[in-house]
N, C-alpha and C. Protein backbone atom coordinates (compact mmCIF):
# COMPACT_ATOMS: atom_id res chain seq x y z
N MET A 1 60.75 99.21 84.40
CA MET A 1 60.50 97.95 83.68
C MET A 1 60.33 97.87 82.28
N VAL A 2 59.62 99.31 82.05
CA VAL A 2 59.22 99.31 80.39
C VAL A 2 60.21 99.61 79.50
N LEU A 3 61.58 100.34 80.09
CA LEU A 3 62.79 100.46 79.31
C LEU A 3 63.63 99.33 79.41
N LEU A 4 63.17 98.38 80.47
CA LEU A 4 64.05 96.82 80.42
C LEU A 4 63.49 96.16 79.11
N MET A 5 62.11 96.16 79.15
CA MET A 5 61.43 95.66 78.07
C MET A 5 61.67 96.21 76.69
N ALA A 6 62.11 97.34 76.75
CA ALA A 6 62.40 97.80 75.50
C ALA A 6 63.74 97.55 74.64
N LEU A 7 64.67 97.06 75.70
CA LEU A 7 65.91 97.06 75.10
C LEU A 7 66.06 95.88 74.38
N PRO A 8 65.37 94.68 74.32
CA PRO A 8 66.14 93.79 73.25
C PRO A 8 65.55 94.05 71.85
N PRO A 9 64.30 94.95 71.60
CA PRO A 9 64.03 94.87 70.54
C PRO A 9 64.71 96.27 70.07
N ALA A 10 64.97 97.49 70.86
CA ALA A 10 65.74 97.96 70.24
C ALA A 10 67.24 97.85 69.93
N THR A 11 67.61 96.97 70.67
CA THR A 11 69.32 96.13 70.05
C THR A 11 68.90 94.99 69.12
N ALA A 12 67.59 94.45 68.74
CA ALA A 12 67.52 93.80 67.92
C ALA A 12 67.38 94.33 66.70
N LEU A 13 66.81 95.62 66.55
CA LEU A 13 66.60 96.53 65.37
C LEU A 13 67.91 97.01 64.95
N VAL A 14 68.54 97.14 65.64
CA VAL A 14 70.06 97.63 65.24
C VAL A 14 70.85 96.37 64.65
N ALA A 15 70.76 95.47 65.16
CA ALA A 15 71.42 94.22 64.87
C ALA A 15 71.04 93.64 63.18
N ILE A 16 69.80 93.64 63.32
CA ILE A 16 68.93 93.45 62.01
C ILE A 16 69.50 94.31 60.75
N LEU A 17 69.36 95.76 61.05
CA LEU A 17 69.91 96.56 60.05
C LEU A 17 71.32 96.48 59.74
N PHE A 18 72.01 96.26 60.98
CA PHE A 18 73.55 96.18 60.76
C PHE A 18 73.69 94.85 59.82
N PHE A 19 73.67 93.73 60.07
CA PHE A 19 73.73 92.42 59.60
C PHE A 19 73.03 92.36 58.09
N THR A 20 71.93 92.98 57.71
CA THR A 20 71.55 92.95 56.47
C THR A 20 71.86 94.00 55.43
N ARG A 21 72.38 95.00 56.35
CA ARG A 21 72.63 96.14 55.29
C ARG A 21 74.29 96.32 55.29
N ILE A 22 74.85 96.54 56.65
CA ILE A 22 76.22 97.19 56.73
C ILE A 22 77.29 95.64 56.64
N GLY A 23 76.84 95.15 57.83
CA GLY A 23 78.10 93.96 58.14
C GLY A 23 79.38 94.17 58.62
N PHE A 24 80.28 93.12 58.95
CA PHE A 24 81.46 93.23 59.55
C PHE A 24 82.47 93.75 58.25
N ARG A 25 83.43 94.37 58.71
CA ARG A 25 84.45 94.70 57.76
C ARG A 25 85.24 93.58 57.22
N ASP A 26 85.73 93.61 55.87
CA ASP A 26 86.34 92.37 55.33
C ASP A 26 87.40 91.77 55.99
N ASP A 27 88.00 92.54 56.77
CA ASP A 27 89.27 92.00 57.56
C ASP A 27 89.02 91.65 58.88
N ILE A 28 87.93 91.15 59.23
CA ILE A 28 87.56 91.32 60.65
C ILE A 28 88.43 90.26 61.40
N ASP A 29 88.74 89.05 60.95
CA ASP A 29 89.59 87.98 61.41
C ASP A 29 91.03 88.46 61.82
N ALA A 30 91.65 89.44 60.93
CA ALA A 30 93.08 89.97 61.16
C ALA A 30 92.67 91.15 62.36
N ALA A 31 91.44 91.96 62.23
CA ALA A 31 91.17 92.97 63.33
C ALA A 31 91.16 92.43 64.45
N LEU A 32 90.50 91.33 64.53
CA LEU A 32 90.46 90.58 65.85
C LEU A 32 91.67 90.63 67.00
N HIS A 33 92.90 90.69 66.13
CA HIS A 33 94.06 90.36 66.90
C HIS A 33 94.90 91.42 66.90
N THR A 34 94.15 92.68 66.77
CA THR A 34 94.99 94.22 66.84
C THR A 34 94.24 94.77 68.12
N VAL A 35 95.15 95.31 68.89
CA VAL A 35 95.22 96.04 70.25
C VAL A 35 94.01 97.31 69.78
N ARG A 36 94.35 98.01 68.62
CA ARG A 36 93.66 99.46 68.41
C ARG A 36 91.84 98.88 68.27
N PHE A 37 91.89 97.68 67.41
CA PHE A 37 90.54 97.58 67.16
C PHE A 37 89.63 97.00 68.26
N LEU A 38 90.41 96.27 69.12
CA LEU A 38 89.80 95.67 70.51
C LEU A 38 89.27 96.91 71.49
N PHE A 39 90.41 97.66 71.53
CA PHE A 39 90.51 99.39 72.08
C PHE A 39 88.88 99.74 72.13
N LYS A 40 88.50 99.60 70.99
CA LYS A 40 87.21 100.49 70.40
C LYS A 40 86.29 99.95 71.34
N PHE A 41 86.16 98.59 71.35
CA PHE A 41 85.06 97.71 72.20
C PHE A 41 85.20 98.13 73.60
N LEU A 42 86.50 98.11 74.40
CA LEU A 42 86.76 98.77 75.44
C LEU A 42 86.00 99.78 75.77
N VAL A 43 85.90 100.72 75.00
CA VAL A 43 85.34 102.04 75.40
C VAL A 43 84.15 101.77 75.12
N VAL A 44 83.49 101.21 73.84
CA VAL A 44 82.01 101.53 73.56
C VAL A 44 81.19 100.82 74.18
N VAL A 45 81.55 99.29 74.79
CA VAL A 45 80.77 98.30 75.59
C VAL A 45 80.52 98.95 76.87
N PRO A 46 81.51 99.20 77.54
CA PRO A 46 81.04 100.09 79.20
C PRO A 46 80.24 101.27 78.65
N LEU A 47 80.36 101.74 77.45
CA LEU A 47 79.52 103.34 77.58
C LEU A 47 78.01 102.60 77.46
N VAL A 48 77.85 101.63 76.87
CA VAL A 48 76.47 101.20 76.71
C VAL A 48 76.10 100.59 78.07
N VAL A 49 76.90 100.00 78.70
CA VAL A 49 76.38 99.57 80.19
C VAL A 49 75.83 100.81 81.20
N VAL A 50 76.77 101.60 81.22
CA VAL A 50 76.75 103.03 82.19
C VAL A 50 75.49 103.94 81.64
N THR A 51 75.53 103.96 80.22
CA THR A 51 74.51 104.87 79.94
C THR A 51 73.07 104.27 80.06
N LEU A 52 72.99 103.03 79.86
CA LEU A 52 71.84 102.20 80.02
C LEU A 52 71.35 102.28 81.64
N GLY A 53 72.39 102.11 82.52
CA GLY A 53 72.12 102.19 83.99
C GLY A 53 71.46 103.54 84.16
N ALA A 54 72.12 104.74 83.64
CA ALA A 54 71.85 106.18 83.78
C ALA A 54 70.31 106.34 83.11
N LEU A 55 70.06 105.76 82.11
CA LEU A 55 68.65 105.94 81.49
C LEU A 55 67.82 105.39 81.97
N PHE A 56 67.95 103.94 82.74
CA PHE A 56 66.77 103.67 83.60
C PHE A 56 66.44 104.41 84.86
N ARG A 57 67.46 105.00 85.17
CA ARG A 57 67.04 106.15 86.26
C ARG A 57 66.07 107.37 86.03
N CYS A 58 66.00 107.44 84.48
CA CYS A 58 64.99 108.79 83.90
C CYS A 58 63.76 108.46 83.87
N THR A 59 63.08 107.05 84.34
CA THR A 59 61.66 106.97 83.75
C THR A 59 60.80 107.60 85.00
N GLY A 60 61.12 107.94 86.20
CA GLY A 60 60.26 108.44 86.86
C GLY A 60 60.13 109.82 87.44
N PRO A 61 59.14 110.51 88.01
CA PRO A 61 59.33 111.96 88.45
C PRO A 61 60.48 112.23 89.33
N ILE A 62 61.29 111.60 89.95
CA ILE A 62 62.34 111.83 90.53
C ILE A 62 63.26 111.22 89.92
N MET A 63 64.45 112.18 89.44
CA MET A 63 65.63 111.68 88.68
C MET A 63 66.97 111.41 89.62
N VAL A 64 67.17 110.53 90.27
CA VAL A 64 68.65 110.28 90.72
C VAL A 64 69.39 109.40 90.05
N PHE A 65 70.28 109.90 89.54
CA PHE A 65 71.52 109.01 88.78
C PHE A 65 72.28 108.02 89.49
N GLY A 66 72.54 108.79 90.80
CA GLY A 66 73.24 107.59 92.05
C GLY A 66 74.52 107.78 91.35
N TRP A 67 75.36 106.57 91.61
CA TRP A 67 76.53 106.29 91.06
C TRP A 67 76.78 106.14 89.65
N TRP A 68 75.49 106.08 88.83
CA TRP A 68 75.71 106.02 87.54
C TRP A 68 76.24 107.36 86.77
N ALA A 69 75.76 108.47 87.48
CA ALA A 69 76.49 109.59 87.01
C ALA A 69 78.01 109.70 87.31
N LYS A 70 78.40 109.24 88.18
CA LYS A 70 79.99 109.19 88.40
C LYS A 70 80.74 108.35 87.69
N LEU A 71 80.08 107.30 86.77
CA LEU A 71 80.17 106.07 85.81
C LEU A 71 80.42 106.67 84.39
N LEU A 72 79.54 107.95 84.44
CA LEU A 72 79.47 107.99 82.85
C LEU A 72 80.63 108.69 82.10
N PRO A 73 81.10 109.66 82.72
CA PRO A 73 82.59 109.79 81.95
C PRO A 73 83.55 109.30 82.02
N LEU A 74 83.82 107.73 82.49
CA LEU A 74 84.88 106.86 82.61
C LEU A 74 85.15 106.45 81.27
N PRO A 75 84.26 106.22 80.43
CA PRO A 75 84.37 105.43 79.03
C PRO A 75 85.28 106.86 78.39
N LEU A 76 84.62 107.74 78.29
CA LEU A 76 85.47 108.92 77.57
C LEU A 76 86.63 109.28 78.07
N LEU A 77 86.85 109.19 79.57
CA LEU A 77 88.45 109.44 80.12
C LEU A 77 89.29 108.06 79.59
N LEU A 78 88.81 106.62 79.35
CA LEU A 78 89.66 105.69 78.86
C LEU A 78 89.81 106.10 77.32
N LEU A 79 88.98 106.71 76.60
CA LEU A 79 89.29 106.75 75.19
C LEU A 79 90.28 107.83 75.16
N CYS A 80 90.17 108.97 76.07
CA CYS A 80 90.93 109.97 75.75
C CYS A 80 92.53 109.68 76.36
N ALA A 81 92.61 108.68 77.33
CA ALA A 81 93.85 108.20 77.60
C ALA A 81 94.63 107.22 76.55
N GLY A 82 93.49 106.56 75.68
CA GLY A 82 93.67 105.72 74.62
C GLY A 82 94.41 106.92 73.55
N ALA A 83 93.77 107.67 73.43
CA ALA A 83 94.26 108.77 72.37
C ALA A 83 95.65 109.68 72.85
N ALA A 84 95.80 109.81 73.98
CA ALA A 84 97.21 110.13 74.30
C ALA A 84 98.14 109.16 74.13
N ALA A 85 98.37 107.87 74.79
CA ALA A 85 98.75 106.88 74.26
C ALA A 85 99.13 106.85 72.92
N GLU A 86 98.27 106.79 71.70
CA GLU A 86 98.56 107.08 70.34
C GLU A 86 99.47 108.26 70.08
N LEU A 87 99.28 109.11 70.58
CA LEU A 87 99.99 110.34 70.51
C LEU A 87 101.54 110.22 70.94
N LEU A 88 101.63 109.21 71.72
CA LEU A 88 102.87 109.12 72.22
C LEU A 88 103.95 108.30 71.09
N VAL A 89 103.02 106.98 70.89
CA VAL A 89 103.78 106.27 69.97
C VAL A 89 103.70 106.26 68.23
N VAL A 90 102.56 107.35 67.88
CA VAL A 90 102.65 107.65 66.28
C VAL A 90 103.53 108.90 65.86
N PRO A 91 104.06 108.83 65.07
CA PRO A 91 105.06 109.96 64.52
C PRO A 91 103.95 111.33 64.58
N SER A 92 104.31 112.37 64.92
CA SER A 92 103.39 113.56 64.92
C SER A 92 103.16 113.94 63.24
N THR A 93 103.72 113.48 62.54
CA THR A 93 103.50 113.63 60.76
C THR A 93 102.12 112.87 60.64
N ASN A 94 101.91 111.65 61.14
CA ASN A 94 100.63 110.84 61.04
C ASN A 94 99.55 111.01 61.90
N TRP A 95 99.63 112.18 62.96
CA TRP A 95 98.52 112.51 63.68
C TRP A 95 96.97 112.86 63.01
N THR A 96 97.54 113.64 62.09
CA THR A 96 96.08 114.39 61.18
C THR A 96 95.40 113.05 60.59
N THR A 97 96.46 112.31 59.86
CA THR A 97 95.80 111.18 58.92
C THR A 97 94.92 110.12 59.95
N PHE A 98 95.51 109.73 61.02
CA PHE A 98 94.98 109.16 61.93
C PHE A 98 93.54 109.68 62.43
N LEU A 99 93.47 110.75 62.50
CA LEU A 99 92.46 111.53 63.25
C LEU A 99 91.55 111.95 62.35
N ILE A 100 91.66 112.22 60.90
CA ILE A 100 90.54 112.05 60.03
C ILE A 100 90.31 110.97 59.76
N GLY A 101 91.24 109.93 59.24
CA GLY A 101 90.88 108.63 58.87
C GLY A 101 90.35 108.42 57.50
N SER A 102 89.68 107.49 57.22
CA SER A 102 88.85 107.35 56.02
C SER A 102 87.54 107.16 56.08
N ASN A 103 86.86 106.99 57.32
CA ASN A 103 85.59 106.67 57.42
C ASN A 103 84.55 107.73 58.40
N ALA A 104 85.07 108.89 58.33
CA ALA A 104 84.46 109.81 59.08
C ALA A 104 83.10 110.04 58.59
N VAL A 105 82.71 110.13 57.07
CA VAL A 105 81.60 110.32 56.72
C VAL A 105 80.43 108.82 57.08
N ASN A 106 81.15 107.57 56.98
CA ASN A 106 80.22 106.67 57.41
C ASN A 106 79.96 106.66 58.94
N CYS A 107 80.99 107.16 59.60
CA CYS A 107 80.70 107.09 60.79
C CYS A 107 79.69 108.16 61.35
N MET A 108 79.71 109.48 60.82
CA MET A 108 78.89 110.52 61.25
C MET A 108 77.24 109.88 60.26
N THR A 109 77.07 109.18 59.47
CA THR A 109 75.91 108.66 59.33
C THR A 109 75.33 107.23 59.44
N LEU A 110 76.41 106.48 59.70
CA LEU A 110 75.64 105.44 60.01
C LEU A 110 75.66 105.22 61.65
N ILE A 111 76.23 105.68 62.40
CA ILE A 111 75.87 105.56 63.74
C ILE A 111 74.45 106.40 64.06
N PRO A 112 74.15 107.33 63.59
CA PRO A 112 73.17 108.08 63.88
C PRO A 112 71.80 107.26 63.51
N LEU A 113 72.30 106.67 61.97
CA LEU A 113 71.17 105.73 61.38
C LEU A 113 70.89 104.48 62.10
N LEU A 114 72.00 103.91 62.61
CA LEU A 114 71.64 102.51 63.35
C LEU A 114 71.07 102.95 64.47
N ALA A 115 71.21 104.19 65.28
CA ALA A 115 70.57 104.39 66.57
C ALA A 115 69.06 104.91 66.51
N SER A 116 68.61 105.35 65.07
CA SER A 116 67.19 106.01 65.01
C SER A 116 66.35 105.06 65.65
N GLY A 117 66.25 103.88 65.24
CA GLY A 117 65.01 102.78 65.87
C GLY A 117 65.37 102.85 67.26
N PRO A 118 66.41 102.59 67.90
CA PRO A 118 66.20 102.36 69.20
C PRO A 118 65.78 103.72 70.09
N LEU A 119 66.18 104.84 69.35
CA LEU A 119 65.85 105.86 69.68
C LEU A 119 64.49 106.08 69.99
N VAL A 120 63.79 105.92 69.04
CA VAL A 120 62.30 105.94 68.80
C VAL A 120 61.88 104.86 70.07
N ILE A 121 62.05 103.94 69.99
CA ILE A 121 61.65 102.79 70.87
C ILE A 121 61.79 103.05 72.40
N PHE A 122 63.21 103.82 72.81
CA PHE A 122 63.53 104.32 74.20
C PHE A 122 62.47 105.63 74.46
N ILE A 123 62.43 106.45 73.47
CA ILE A 123 61.28 107.51 73.74
C ILE A 123 59.85 106.85 74.00
N ALA A 124 59.39 106.16 73.15
CA ALA A 124 58.17 105.47 73.68
C ALA A 124 58.27 105.06 74.98
N ALA A 125 59.16 104.09 75.45
CA ALA A 125 59.15 103.68 76.70
C ALA A 125 59.26 104.42 77.73
N LEU A 126 60.04 105.82 77.48
CA LEU A 126 59.92 106.59 78.69
C LEU A 126 58.47 107.54 78.72
N LYS A 127 57.87 107.41 77.41
CA LYS A 127 56.52 108.45 77.57
C LYS A 127 55.77 107.38 78.60
N LYS A 128 55.83 106.14 78.60
CA LYS A 128 54.87 105.62 79.54
C LYS A 128 55.33 105.93 81.11
N GLY A 129 56.35 106.51 81.40
CA GLY A 129 56.68 106.85 82.75
C GLY A 129 56.40 108.41 82.93
N ALA A 130 56.75 109.01 83.95
CA ALA A 130 56.60 110.52 84.13
C ALA A 130 58.28 110.80 84.21
N PRO A 131 59.07 111.05 83.19
CA PRO A 131 60.12 111.54 83.59
C PRO A 131 60.43 113.02 84.12
N ALA A 132 60.88 113.24 85.16
CA ALA A 132 61.44 114.61 85.87
C ALA A 132 61.76 115.95 84.93
N ARG A 133 62.63 115.32 84.07
CA ARG A 133 63.42 116.33 83.14
C ARG A 133 63.30 115.67 81.82
N PRO A 134 62.31 115.83 80.93
CA PRO A 134 62.21 115.48 79.76
C PRO A 134 63.31 115.31 78.78
N GLY A 135 63.77 116.97 78.57
CA GLY A 135 64.96 116.89 77.51
C GLY A 135 66.17 115.94 78.02
N LEU A 136 66.63 116.07 79.28
CA LEU A 136 67.53 115.31 79.78
C LEU A 136 67.39 113.72 79.47
N SER A 137 65.94 113.42 80.03
CA SER A 137 65.74 111.78 79.61
C SER A 137 65.58 111.54 78.16
N GLY A 138 65.47 112.33 77.29
CA GLY A 138 65.39 112.10 75.99
C GLY A 138 66.94 112.29 75.48
N ALA A 139 67.72 112.99 76.12
CA ALA A 139 69.00 113.04 75.64
C ALA A 139 69.85 111.74 76.32
N MET A 140 69.42 111.18 77.20
CA MET A 140 69.86 110.02 77.97
C MET A 140 69.63 108.78 76.76
N ALA A 141 68.25 108.83 76.62
CA ALA A 141 67.58 108.05 75.27
C ALA A 141 68.56 107.95 74.16
N GLY A 142 69.08 109.01 73.98
CA GLY A 142 69.94 109.11 72.54
C GLY A 142 71.32 108.85 73.00
N LEU A 143 71.80 108.97 74.13
CA LEU A 143 73.26 108.39 74.48
C LEU A 143 73.27 107.08 74.45
N ALA A 144 72.16 106.28 74.89
CA ALA A 144 71.85 104.97 75.08
C ALA A 144 71.97 104.52 73.60
N ALA A 145 71.07 105.04 72.96
CA ALA A 145 70.76 104.45 71.46
C ALA A 145 72.04 104.53 70.69
N GLY A 146 72.61 105.84 70.69
CA GLY A 146 74.05 105.90 70.02
C GLY A 146 74.99 105.22 70.30
N SER A 147 75.17 104.63 71.59
CA SER A 147 76.21 103.73 71.94
C SER A 147 76.05 102.46 71.70
N ILE A 148 74.66 102.04 71.73
CA ILE A 148 74.31 100.77 71.11
C ILE A 148 74.70 100.68 69.40
N ALA A 149 74.40 101.85 69.06
CA ALA A 149 74.56 101.64 67.46
C ALA A 149 76.30 101.64 67.42
N ALA A 150 77.04 102.62 68.19
CA ALA A 150 78.50 102.69 68.07
C ALA A 150 79.08 101.14 68.19
N VAL A 151 78.75 100.42 69.19
CA VAL A 151 79.11 98.87 69.46
C VAL A 151 79.01 98.28 68.02
N PHE A 152 77.95 98.29 67.21
CA PHE A 152 77.82 97.36 65.87
C PHE A 152 78.88 98.16 65.00
N TYR A 153 78.64 99.62 64.88
CA TYR A 153 79.43 100.18 63.96
C TYR A 153 81.22 100.07 64.09
N ALA A 154 81.32 100.06 65.24
CA ALA A 154 82.82 99.56 65.66
C ALA A 154 83.28 98.58 64.82
N SER A 155 82.71 97.50 64.70
CA SER A 155 83.03 96.00 63.96
C SER A 155 83.22 96.28 62.65
N ASN A 156 82.77 97.53 61.99
CA ASN A 156 82.45 97.91 60.36
C ASN A 156 83.55 98.98 60.00
N CYS A 157 83.98 99.51 61.30
CA CYS A 157 84.78 100.95 60.68
C CYS A 157 86.17 100.25 60.52
N PHE A 158 87.11 100.67 59.83
CA PHE A 158 88.29 100.39 59.55
C PHE A 158 89.23 101.17 60.06
N ASP A 159 88.76 102.48 60.56
CA ASP A 159 89.69 103.11 61.25
C ASP A 159 89.76 103.11 62.76
N ASP A 160 90.84 102.69 63.41
CA ASP A 160 90.96 101.75 64.71
C ASP A 160 91.54 102.65 65.53
N SER A 161 92.20 103.66 65.00
CA SER A 161 93.11 104.56 65.65
C SER A 161 92.03 105.29 66.84
N PRO A 162 92.60 105.52 68.14
CA PRO A 162 91.95 106.18 68.83
C PRO A 162 91.96 107.68 68.79
N LEU A 163 92.47 108.15 68.09
CA LEU A 163 92.56 109.76 67.99
C LEU A 163 91.09 109.60 66.45
N PHE A 164 91.21 108.65 65.77
CA PHE A 164 89.56 108.75 64.88
C PHE A 164 88.49 108.47 66.02
N VAL A 165 88.65 107.58 66.57
CA VAL A 165 87.60 107.16 67.64
C VAL A 165 87.16 108.50 68.55
N VAL A 166 88.13 109.04 69.10
CA VAL A 166 87.88 109.98 70.34
C VAL A 166 87.14 111.39 69.45
N THR A 167 87.43 111.57 68.13
CA THR A 167 86.94 112.39 67.21
C THR A 167 85.60 112.15 66.76
N TRP A 168 85.36 111.15 66.29
CA TRP A 168 84.24 111.07 65.10
C TRP A 168 83.13 110.27 65.89
N TYR A 169 83.27 109.20 66.73
CA TYR A 169 82.23 108.74 67.65
C TYR A 169 81.73 109.29 68.14
N PRO A 170 82.23 110.21 69.33
CA PRO A 170 81.41 111.34 69.99
C PRO A 170 80.69 112.33 69.30
N LEU A 171 81.15 112.47 68.27
CA LEU A 171 80.30 113.48 67.58
C LEU A 171 79.33 112.88 66.77
N ALA A 172 79.49 111.63 66.01
CA ALA A 172 78.23 110.68 65.88
C ALA A 172 76.90 110.70 66.97
N ILE A 173 77.55 110.40 67.67
CA ILE A 173 76.52 110.03 69.06
C ILE A 173 76.05 111.08 69.60
N LEU A 174 76.96 112.31 69.59
CA LEU A 174 76.14 113.82 70.11
C LEU A 174 75.16 114.40 69.09
N THR A 175 75.16 113.77 67.89
CA THR A 175 73.98 114.01 67.29
C THR A 175 72.68 113.19 67.35
N VAL A 176 72.84 112.27 67.98
CA VAL A 176 71.70 111.22 68.42
C VAL A 176 71.02 111.79 69.80
N VAL A 177 72.42 112.18 70.36
CA VAL A 177 71.77 112.89 71.96
C VAL A 177 71.02 113.99 72.04
N SER A 178 71.71 114.88 70.65
CA SER A 178 70.66 116.16 70.58
C SER A 178 69.22 115.83 69.96
N VAL A 179 69.12 114.99 69.38
CA VAL A 179 67.93 114.65 68.50
C VAL A 179 66.96 114.15 69.88
N GLY A 180 67.64 113.42 70.67
CA GLY A 180 66.95 112.75 71.53
C GLY A 180 66.44 113.83 72.81
N TYR A 181 67.30 114.83 72.79
CA TYR A 181 66.72 115.78 73.98
C TYR A 181 65.65 116.59 73.42
N PHE A 182 65.67 117.03 72.13
CA PHE A 182 64.67 117.52 71.42
C PHE A 182 63.39 116.72 71.44
N ALA A 183 63.46 115.59 71.33
CA ALA A 183 62.31 114.42 71.13
C ALA A 183 61.90 114.41 72.59
N GLY A 184 62.67 114.34 73.55
CA GLY A 184 62.40 114.26 74.98
C GLY A 184 61.39 115.70 75.39
N GLU A 185 62.05 116.79 75.02
CA GLU A 185 61.24 117.84 75.06
C GLU A 185 59.76 118.10 74.61
N ARG A 186 59.93 117.64 73.49
CA ARG A 186 58.62 117.71 72.60
C ARG A 186 57.45 116.43 73.15
N TYR A 187 58.12 115.31 73.28
CA TYR A 187 57.13 113.93 73.69
C TYR A 187 56.86 113.71 74.85
N LEU A 188 57.98 114.22 75.95
CA LEU A 188 58.05 113.45 77.04
C LEU A 188 57.61 114.39 78.30
N GLN A 189 56.62 115.90 77.78
CA GLN A 189 56.26 116.48 78.70
C GLN A 189 54.98 115.93 79.34
N TRP A 190 54.69 116.24 80.69
CA TRP A 190 53.53 115.64 81.16
C TRP A 190 52.91 116.52 81.90
């Protein structure tokens, strides 16, 4: 229940930071009509839903992810399928360009930056419970925070190739997961 109450302020914090400091990409209207741009949301929105479902299972002394654990890999598998499709349709001479893109630094900084507030809110909410595995609970909080941040960042990022997304988005989110793990180990012990 505490995590459910933490979700609106965590998301609002990301939204406020995003809309006041970052904003949509300049060509958002045109991007909305492209498959690659929309595909990013086909991956990150389900990731948020599945991750939050798993995070809500981390609050008590008994951690049972249930079917949420089975759903966790699905967004990554979908992303890998998109990257494989990209490899089939894009000439191999362009693979490196699509993979590196032009926003890797922005991705690696903005997703963790946007996720920092929600991570603090989720850790504080988990502290009110009795997580069975503090590190794992913190990591799940990081995954949820990073996923929420990725949804917002995706609307700013000019690199729409699944090759870019499969490389840089997980790395940026993994940074938040790592911080969440260590925060959980430090602050969620009981």
